[in-house]
Structure formats: structure tokens, C-alpha cells
N, C-alpha and C. Protein backbone atom coordinates (compact mmCIF):
# COMPACT_ATOMS: atom_id res chain seq x y z
N UNK A 1 13.02 -98.33 12.75
CA UNK A 1 13.14 -99.47 13.69
C UNK A 1 12.44 -99.20 14.89
N UNK A 2 11.84 -100.18 15.34
CA UNK A 2 11.05 -100.08 16.60
C UNK A 2 11.93 -99.94 17.73
N UNK A 3 11.37 -99.24 18.61
CA UNK A 3 11.92 -99.18 20.10
C UNK A 3 11.79 -100.21 21.11
N UNK A 4 12.85 -100.32 22.18
CA UNK A 4 12.45 -101.16 22.86
C UNK A 4 11.03 -101.40 23.83
N UNK A 5 10.51 -100.17 23.96
CA UNK A 5 9.23 -100.04 24.43
C UNK A 5 8.08 -100.77 23.75
N UNK A 6 8.40 -100.45 22.17
CA UNK A 6 7.33 -100.83 21.34
C UNK A 6 7.33 -102.45 21.21
N UNK A 7 8.58 -102.95 21.25
CA UNK A 7 8.72 -104.33 21.25
C UNK A 7 8.39 -105.00 22.49
N UNK A 8 8.53 -104.66 23.67
CA UNK A 8 7.82 -104.99 24.73
C UNK A 8 6.25 -105.12 25.00
N UNK A 9 6.03 -104.05 24.32
CA UNK A 9 4.31 -103.94 24.49
C UNK A 9 3.82 -104.95 23.42
N UNK A 10 4.46 -105.13 22.13
CA UNK A 10 4.01 -106.20 21.28
C UNK A 10 4.45 -107.82 21.40
N UNK A 11 5.29 -108.05 22.58
CA UNK A 11 5.90 -109.27 22.76
C UNK A 11 4.70 -110.20 22.81
N UNK A 12 3.82 -110.05 23.45
CA UNK A 12 2.60 -110.89 23.75
C UNK A 12 1.84 -111.40 22.46
N UNK A 13 1.75 -110.21 21.74
CA UNK A 13 0.95 -110.65 20.36
C UNK A 13 1.88 -111.27 19.54
N UNK A 14 3.24 -111.24 19.39
CA UNK A 14 4.11 -111.62 18.67
C UNK A 14 4.19 -113.35 19.08
N UNK A 15 4.29 -113.62 20.33
CA UNK A 15 4.32 -115.15 20.87
C UNK A 15 2.76 -115.55 20.24
N UNK A 16 1.82 -114.93 20.66
CA UNK A 16 0.56 -115.47 20.05
C UNK A 16 0.14 -115.56 18.67
N UNK A 17 1.39 -115.12 17.77
CA UNK A 17 1.03 -114.93 16.22
C UNK A 17 0.01 -113.99 16.08
N UNK A 18 -0.27 -112.88 16.58
CA UNK A 18 -1.14 -111.99 16.35
C UNK A 18 -0.55 -110.67 15.57
N UNK A 19 0.60 -110.56 15.10
CA UNK A 19 1.13 -109.50 14.38
C UNK A 19 1.33 -109.94 12.84
N UNK A 20 1.32 -109.10 12.14
CA UNK A 20 1.30 -109.20 10.65
C UNK A 20 2.78 -109.19 10.28
N UNK A 21 2.81 -109.75 8.97
CA UNK A 21 4.51 -110.09 8.50
C UNK A 21 5.22 -108.85 8.64
N UNK A 22 4.89 -107.58 8.23
CA UNK A 22 5.51 -106.39 8.51
C UNK A 22 6.06 -106.12 9.75
N UNK A 23 5.07 -106.34 10.70
CA UNK A 23 5.35 -105.98 11.97
C UNK A 23 6.33 -107.06 12.79
N UNK A 24 6.00 -108.25 12.35
CA UNK A 24 6.85 -109.50 12.98
C UNK A 24 8.38 -109.20 12.59
N UNK A 25 8.59 -108.86 11.19
CA UNK A 25 9.87 -108.59 10.75
C UNK A 25 10.69 -107.30 11.35
N UNK A 26 9.75 -106.27 11.55
CA UNK A 26 10.29 -105.19 12.37
C UNK A 26 10.89 -105.78 13.65
N UNK A 27 10.03 -106.36 14.41
CA UNK A 27 10.22 -106.91 15.78
C UNK A 27 11.64 -107.81 15.88
N UNK A 28 11.61 -108.68 14.61
CA UNK A 28 12.66 -109.54 14.81
C UNK A 28 14.07 -108.89 14.38
N UNK A 29 13.94 -107.89 13.52
CA UNK A 29 15.40 -106.97 13.36
C UNK A 29 15.40 -106.45 14.58
N UNK A 30 14.84 -105.87 15.31
CA UNK A 30 14.94 -105.33 16.51
C UNK A 30 15.65 -106.36 17.64
N UNK A 31 15.14 -107.55 17.62
CA UNK A 31 15.57 -108.64 18.51
C UNK A 31 16.90 -109.25 18.05
N UNK A 32 17.11 -108.93 16.87
CA UNK A 32 18.56 -109.28 16.31
C UNK A 32 19.64 -108.50 16.68
N UNK A 33 19.32 -107.19 17.03
CA UNK A 33 20.12 -106.26 17.29
C UNK A 33 20.13 -106.04 18.99
N UNK A 34 19.07 -106.07 19.76
CA UNK A 34 18.95 -105.66 21.06
C UNK A 34 18.73 -106.96 21.93
N UNK A 35 20.04 -107.47 22.46
CA UNK A 35 19.91 -108.61 23.39
C UNK A 35 19.03 -108.59 24.53
N UNK A 36 18.85 -107.35 25.09
CA UNK A 36 17.88 -107.18 26.15
C UNK A 36 16.64 -107.76 26.02
N UNK A 37 16.26 -107.09 24.66
CA UNK A 37 14.72 -107.50 24.38
C UNK A 37 14.65 -108.92 23.78
N UNK A 38 15.58 -109.49 23.37
CA UNK A 38 15.48 -110.75 22.73
C UNK A 38 15.60 -111.75 24.23
N UNK A 39 16.33 -111.46 25.24
CA UNK A 39 16.18 -112.18 26.40
C UNK A 39 14.80 -112.15 26.78
N UNK A 40 14.07 -110.85 26.84
CA UNK A 40 12.96 -110.74 27.26
C UNK A 40 11.96 -111.42 26.71
N UNK A 41 11.72 -111.47 25.44
CA UNK A 41 10.85 -112.08 24.74
C UNK A 41 11.08 -114.01 24.85
N UNK A 42 12.31 -114.09 25.14
CA UNK A 42 12.61 -115.52 25.37
C UNK A 42 11.93 -116.25 26.68
N UNK A 43 12.39 -115.05 27.70
CA UNK A 43 11.90 -115.46 28.72
C UNK A 43 10.16 -115.47 29.08
N UNK A 44 9.62 -114.48 28.14
CA UNK A 44 8.05 -114.42 27.89
C UNK A 44 7.67 -115.87 27.18
N UNK A 45 8.48 -116.24 26.29
CA UNK A 45 8.08 -117.63 25.58
C UNK A 45 7.95 -118.84 26.70
N UNK A 46 9.10 -118.85 27.75
CA UNK A 46 9.29 -119.82 28.51
C UNK A 46 8.43 -119.75 29.41
N UNK A 47 7.88 -118.54 30.03
CA UNK A 47 7.10 -118.50 31.10
C UNK A 47 5.67 -119.01 30.43
N UNK A 48 5.24 -118.71 29.06
CA UNK A 48 4.16 -118.95 28.56
C UNK A 48 3.95 -120.57 28.46
N UNK A 49 5.11 -121.14 28.06
CA UNK A 49 5.26 -122.40 27.93
C UNK A 49 5.12 -123.14 29.22
N UNK A 50 5.62 -122.66 30.30
CA UNK A 50 5.67 -123.51 31.56
C UNK A 50 4.16 -123.22 32.13
N UNK A 51 3.45 -122.02 31.96
CA UNK A 51 2.12 -121.85 32.19
C UNK A 51 1.28 -122.77 31.89
N UNK A 52 1.31 -123.02 30.37
CA UNK A 52 0.53 -123.97 29.73
C UNK A 52 0.40 -125.24 30.13
N UNK A 53 1.96 -125.65 30.50
CA UNK A 53 2.01 -127.07 30.94
C UNK A 53 1.48 -127.30 32.49
N UNK A 54 1.79 -126.28 33.16
CA UNK A 54 1.40 -126.50 34.51
C UNK A 54 -0.09 -126.36 34.90
N UNK A 55 -0.90 -125.79 34.22
CA UNK A 55 -2.16 -125.53 34.47
C UNK A 55 -2.94 -126.50 33.66
N UNK A 56 -4.26 -126.76 34.30
CA UNK A 56 -5.08 -127.73 33.41
C UNK A 56 -6.01 -126.91 32.41
N UNK A 57 -6.27 -127.38 31.53
CA UNK A 57 -6.96 -126.60 30.40
C UNK A 57 -8.26 -126.21 30.99
N UNK A 58 -8.68 -124.87 30.58
CA UNK A 58 -9.70 -124.40 31.09
C UNK A 58 -11.05 -124.99 30.62
N UNK A 59 -10.98 -125.33 29.64
CA UNK A 59 -12.24 -125.96 28.84
C UNK A 59 -12.28 -127.33 29.00
N UNK A 60 -13.80 -127.95 29.38
CA UNK A 60 -13.82 -129.55 29.46
C UNK A 60 -13.49 -130.16 28.00
N UNK A 61 -12.92 -131.51 28.40
CA UNK A 61 -12.80 -132.02 27.20
C UNK A 61 -14.13 -132.46 26.46
N UNK A 62 -14.23 -133.04 25.24
CA UNK A 62 -15.58 -133.12 24.54
C UNK A 62 -16.41 -134.19 25.40
N UNK A 63 -16.25 -135.10 25.98
CA UNK A 63 -17.00 -135.97 26.73
C UNK A 63 -17.56 -135.02 27.70
N UNK A 64 -16.82 -134.33 28.63
CA UNK A 64 -17.37 -133.61 29.85
C UNK A 64 -18.36 -132.41 28.88
N UNK A 65 -17.74 -131.81 27.91
CA UNK A 65 -18.80 -130.92 27.25
C UNK A 65 -19.92 -131.52 26.93
N UNK A 66 -19.88 -132.72 26.36
CA UNK A 66 -21.33 -133.27 25.72
C UNK A 66 -21.98 -133.72 26.85
N UNK A 67 -21.52 -133.96 28.22
CA UNK A 67 -22.52 -134.49 29.41
C UNK A 67 -23.03 -132.95 29.93
N UNK A 68 -22.25 -132.00 29.75
CA UNK A 68 -22.93 -130.68 29.97
C UNK A 68 -23.87 -130.31 29.33
N UNK A 69 -23.90 -130.31 28.08
CA UNK A 69 -24.96 -129.94 27.08
C UNK A 69 -26.09 -130.74 27.24
N UNK A 70 -26.00 -131.81 27.67
CA UNK A 70 -26.99 -132.87 27.61
C UNK A 70 -27.79 -132.54 29.08
N UNK A 71 -27.16 -132.12 30.16
CA UNK A 71 -27.77 -131.59 31.16
C UNK A 71 -28.53 -130.16 30.97
N UNK A 72 -27.86 -129.38 30.47
CA UNK A 72 -28.51 -128.33 30.14
C UNK A 72 -29.92 -128.24 29.22
N UNK A 73 -29.73 -129.03 28.02
CA UNK A 73 -30.79 -129.26 27.23
C UNK A 73 -32.12 -129.74 28.00
N UNK A 74 -31.72 -130.89 29.07
CA UNK A 74 -32.62 -131.48 29.95
C UNK A 74 -33.46 -130.21 30.68
N UNK A 75 -32.43 -129.35 31.45
CA UNK A 75 -33.10 -128.44 32.26
C UNK A 75 -33.90 -127.40 31.57
N UNK A 76 -33.54 -127.33 30.26
CA UNK A 76 -34.47 -126.35 29.23
C UNK A 76 -35.65 -126.68 28.75
N UNK A 77 -35.89 -128.25 28.82
CA UNK A 77 -37.11 -128.74 28.28
C UNK A 77 -38.10 -129.25 29.20
N UNK A 78 -37.57 -129.26 30.58
CA UNK A 78 -38.41 -129.49 31.79
C UNK A 78 -39.63 -128.59 31.76
N UNK A 79 -40.71 -128.95 32.19
CA UNK A 79 -41.73 -128.23 32.34
C UNK A 79 -41.46 -127.31 33.74
N UNK A 80 -41.88 -125.91 33.74
CA UNK A 80 -41.58 -125.20 34.96
C UNK A 80 -42.82 -125.51 35.69
N UNK A 81 -42.59 -125.42 37.19
CA UNK A 81 -43.48 -125.34 38.16
C UNK A 81 -43.96 -123.94 38.39
N UNK A 82 -45.41 -123.79 38.31
CA UNK A 82 -46.02 -122.49 38.62
C UNK A 82 -46.84 -121.87 37.47
């Protein structure tokens, strides 16, 4: 069975869906037994959700992205002075 330290080290990967089936099952077994780790992972999920809700997306929407691409293309195709 995983230790508390191992679970806390892998909590972000668990939340992000970056752990395999076997590892996820091991973590879930630990969380079923250890209420401290279960609270920790729950708090991480809430923190992640609140952060994603509060912060604007880092990438521009598709319209803004298309506008930026057009500007960059124009700058690349302009003749250079000199």
C-alpha cells in the first residue's frame, strides 16, 4: 500500500488524470483508509477548481489567436530595410 508521503507527492498527477489505472487504484485504496490524505486531496481539488475559475485563460480565444497569427504573418512577409 502507498504511504501518505507517496500519495501527497502524486496528488496533483491524480487530479490531472496523469496516473495509470494501477496507481490510481492504489491511491484510492489509501484515500479510503486515510482520512488525512483524503482531506488533503479534496482540498487540492477545491483549490484547483477555484484557481481555474478565478484566473482568466492563459491562451487567447480563437478570434484573438487568428488576429495574432495574421499580424505575425504580415511581419514575416514584409521586406526588411537594409
